[in-house]
Amino acid sequence: MELAACRGMDTNMFMPLETGGKITEAVREHNARAKAICSRCPITAECRALVRTEVGMRAVPAIRCDDGLSVPRAEWQGVFGGETAYDRSRAIRTRRTQSA
């Protein structure tokens, strides 16, 4: 994760806004800003794959970063690898459907 474009940034920028689950214009703008950072990151694919894996989504309690910090699974609701939790969920469902 040393090469990550988000390294050293405020992680709140990548976490969902508290809106009671409503998708507002503010949520869309917030996600777009986070996704813009991911779009210029050299390890977007690796980040996306790590968070998207079913093992990672269900079994691993945290992602361990190179700097010694860990990201609890509950926080995987934010933007990772250029995807929101909804994007990841949709991609996993599509993958399951295609492999069935």
C-alpha atoms as a PDB file:
ATOM      1  CA  MET A   1       0.000   0.000   0.000  1.00  0.00           C
ATOM      2  CA  GLU A   2       3.084   2.200  -0.056  1.00  0.00           C
ATOM      3  CA  LEU A   3       2.302   3.398  -3.595  1.00  0.00           C
ATOM      4  CA  ALA A   4      -1.350   4.195  -2.855  1.00  0.00           C
ATOM      5  CA  ALA A   5      -2.514   7.645  -3.968  1.00  0.00           C
ATOM      6  CA  CYS A   6      -4.523   7.893  -0.741  1.00  0.00           C
ATOM      7  CA  ARG A   7      -1.573   7.203   1.550  1.00  0.00           C
ATOM      8  CA  GLY A   8      -1.379   9.894   4.212  1.00  0.00           C
ATOM      9  CA  MET A   9      -4.788  11.385   3.342  1.00  0.00           C
ATOM     10  CA  ASP A  10      -7.635  11.809   5.792  1.00  0.00           C
ATOM     11  CA  THR A  11      -9.460   8.468   5.668  1.00  0.00           C
ATOM     12  CA  ASN A  12     -12.796  10.189   6.304  1.00  0.00           C
ATOM     13  CA  MET A  13     -12.627  11.312   2.699  1.00  0.00           C
ATOM     14  CA  PHE A  14     -13.214   7.687   1.680  1.00  0.00           C
ATOM     15  CA  MET A  15     -15.850   6.782   4.285  1.00  0.00           C
ATOM     16  CA  PRO A  16     -19.577   7.105   3.623  1.00  0.00           C
ATOM     17  CA  LEU A  17     -21.427  10.223   4.702  1.00  0.00           C
ATOM     18  CA  GLU A  18     -24.010   9.754   7.430  1.00  0.00           C
ATOM     19  CA  THR A  19     -27.291  10.290   5.591  1.00  0.00           C
ATOM     20  CA  GLY A  20     -29.422   7.506   6.994  1.00  0.00           C
ATOM     21  CA  GLY A  21     -28.824   5.444   3.880  1.00  0.00           C
ATOM     22  CA  LYS A  22     -30.211   8.062   1.495  1.00  0.00           C
ATOM     23  CA  ILE A  23     -28.281   8.716  -1.712  1.00  0.00           C
ATOM     24  CA  THR A  24     -28.148  12.490  -1.915  1.00  0.00           C
ATOM     25  CA  GLU A  25     -26.243  14.824  -4.210  1.00  0.00           C
ATOM     26  CA  ALA A  26     -23.770  15.375  -1.375  1.00  0.00           C
ATOM     27  CA  VAL A  27     -23.148  11.599  -1.222  1.00  0.00           C
ATOM     28  CA  ARG A  28     -22.635  11.441  -4.999  1.00  0.00           C
ATOM     29  CA  GLU A  29     -20.143  14.333  -4.860  1.00  0.00           C
ATOM     30  CA  HIS A  30     -18.337  12.828  -1.853  1.00  0.00           C
ATOM     31  CA  ASN A  31     -17.980   9.467  -3.612  1.00  0.00           C
ATOM     32  CA  ALA A  32     -16.881  11.146  -6.855  1.00  0.00           C
ATOM     33  CA  ARG A  33     -14.049  12.974  -5.051  1.00  0.00           C
ATOM     34  CA  ALA A  34     -12.822   9.725  -3.483  1.00  0.00           C
ATOM     35  CA  LYS A  35     -13.131   7.834  -6.771  1.00  0.00           C
ATOM     36  CA  ALA A  36     -11.133  10.574  -8.532  1.00  0.00           C
ATOM     37  CA  ILE A  37      -8.197   9.884  -6.207  1.00  0.00           C
ATOM     38  CA  CYS A  38      -8.521   6.159  -6.867  1.00  0.00           C
ATOM     39  CA  SER A  39      -8.602   6.770 -10.624  1.00  0.00           C
ATOM     40  CA  ARG A  40      -5.038   8.112 -10.557  1.00  0.00           C
ATOM     41  CA  CYS A  41      -3.707   5.481  -8.152  1.00  0.00           C
ATOM     42  CA  PRO A  42      -1.182   2.918  -9.433  1.00  0.00           C
ATOM     43  CA  ILE A  43      -2.574   0.149  -7.209  1.00  0.00           C
ATOM     44  CA  THR A  44      -6.317   0.566  -7.745  1.00  0.00           C
ATOM     45  CA  ALA A  45      -6.711  -2.982  -9.082  1.00  0.00           C
ATOM     46  CA  GLU A  46      -4.899  -4.518  -6.112  1.00  0.00           C
ATOM     47  CA  CYS A  47      -6.917  -2.478  -3.626  1.00  0.00           C
ATOM     48  CA  ARG A  48     -10.179  -3.389  -5.356  1.00  0.00           C
ATOM     49  CA  ALA A  49      -9.291  -7.086  -5.476  1.00  0.00           C
ATOM     50  CA  LEU A  50      -8.370  -7.163  -1.792  1.00  0.00           C
ATOM     51  CA  VAL A  51     -11.596  -5.590  -0.618  1.00  0.00           C
ATOM     52  CA  ARG A  52     -13.793  -7.351  -3.188  1.00  0.00           C
ATOM     53  CA  THR A  53     -12.786 -10.897  -2.321  1.00  0.00           C
ATOM     54  CA  GLU A  54     -15.437 -12.874  -0.560  1.00  0.00           C
ATOM     55  CA  VAL A  55     -12.873 -14.094   1.956  1.00  0.00           C
ATOM     56  CA  GLY A  56     -11.901 -10.512   2.697  1.00  0.00           C
ATOM     57  CA  MET A  57     -15.494  -9.358   2.930  1.00  0.00           C
ATOM     58  CA  ARG A  58     -16.551 -12.095   5.337  1.00  0.00           C
ATOM     59  CA  ALA A  59     -13.666 -13.631   7.229  1.00  0.00           C
ATOM     60  CA  VAL A  60     -10.787 -11.202   7.619  1.00  0.00           C
ATOM     61  CA  PRO A  61     -11.314  -8.840  10.570  1.00  0.00           C
ATOM     62  CA  ALA A  62      -9.090  -6.098   9.138  1.00  0.00           C
ATOM     63  CA  ILE A  63      -6.784  -5.079   6.331  1.00  0.00           C
ATOM     64  CA  ARG A  64      -3.244  -4.673   7.648  1.00  0.00           C
ATOM     65  CA  CYS A  65      -1.442  -1.777   5.978  1.00  0.00           C
ATOM     66  CA  ASP A  66       2.312  -1.350   5.575  1.00  0.00           C
ATOM     67  CA  ASP A  67       2.351   1.521   8.048  1.00  0.00           C
ATOM     68  CA  GLY A  68       1.084  -0.788  10.813  1.00  0.00           C
ATOM     69  CA  LEU A  69      -2.461   0.553  10.797  1.00  0.00           C
ATOM     70  CA  SER A  70      -5.385  -1.711  10.141  1.00  0.00           C
ATOM     71  CA  VAL A  71      -8.725  -0.937   8.556  1.00  0.00           C
ATOM     72  CA  PRO A  72     -11.543  -2.773  10.374  1.00  0.00           C
ATOM     73  CA  ARG A  73     -13.924  -4.700   8.135  1.00  0.00           C
ATOM     74  CA  ALA A  74     -16.815  -2.513   9.293  1.00  0.00           C
ATOM     75  CA  GLU A  75     -15.071   0.418   7.608  1.00  0.00           C
ATOM     76  CA  TRP A  76     -15.017  -1.357   4.249  1.00  0.00           C
ATOM     77  CA  GLN A  77     -18.209   0.535   3.509  1.00  0.00           C
ATOM     78  CA  GLY A  78     -16.140   3.376   2.111  1.00  0.00           C
ATOM     79  CA  VAL A  79     -14.579   3.831  -1.314  1.00  0.00           C
ATOM     80  CA  PHE A  80     -11.779   1.326  -1.950  1.00  0.00           C
ATOM     81  CA  GLY A  81     -10.199   0.666  -5.312  1.00  0.00           C
ATOM     82  CA  GLY A  82     -12.526   3.206  -6.894  1.00  0.00           C
ATOM     83  CA  GLU A  83     -15.662   1.361  -5.774  1.00  0.00           C
ATOM     84  CA  THR A  84     -18.328   2.061  -3.183  1.00  0.00           C
ATOM     85  CA  ALA A  85     -19.782  -0.778  -1.092  1.00  0.00           C
ATOM     86  CA  TYR A  86     -22.715  -0.846  -3.521  1.00  0.00           C
ATOM     87  CA  ASP A  87     -20.363  -1.161  -6.510  1.00  0.00           C
ATOM     88  CA  ARG A  88     -18.532  -4.050  -4.817  1.00  0.00           C
ATOM     89  CA  SER A  89     -21.724  -5.821  -3.857  1.00  0.00           C
ATOM     90  CA  ARG A  90     -23.027  -5.555  -7.416  1.00  0.00           C
ATOM     91  CA  ALA A  91     -19.722  -6.845  -8.856  1.00  0.00           C
ATOM     92  CA  ILE A  92     -19.699  -9.847  -6.489  1.00  0.00           C
ATOM     93  CA  ARG A  93     -23.334 -10.683  -7.338  1.00  0.00           C
ATOM     94  CA  THR A  94     -22.543 -10.448 -11.058  1.00  0.00           C
ATOM     95  CA  ARG A  95     -19.513 -12.708 -10.653  1.00  0.00           C
ATOM     96  CA  ARG A  96     -21.604 -15.285  -8.762  1.00  0.00           C
ATOM     97  CA  THR A  97     -24.313 -15.201 -11.425  1.00  0.00           C
ATOM     98  CA  GLN A  98     -21.823 -15.646 -14.253  1.00  0.00           C
ATOM     99  CA  SER A  99     -20.082 -18.581 -12.555  1.00  0.00           C
ATOM    100  CA  ALA A 100     -23.349 -20.398 -11.774  1.00  0.00           C
END
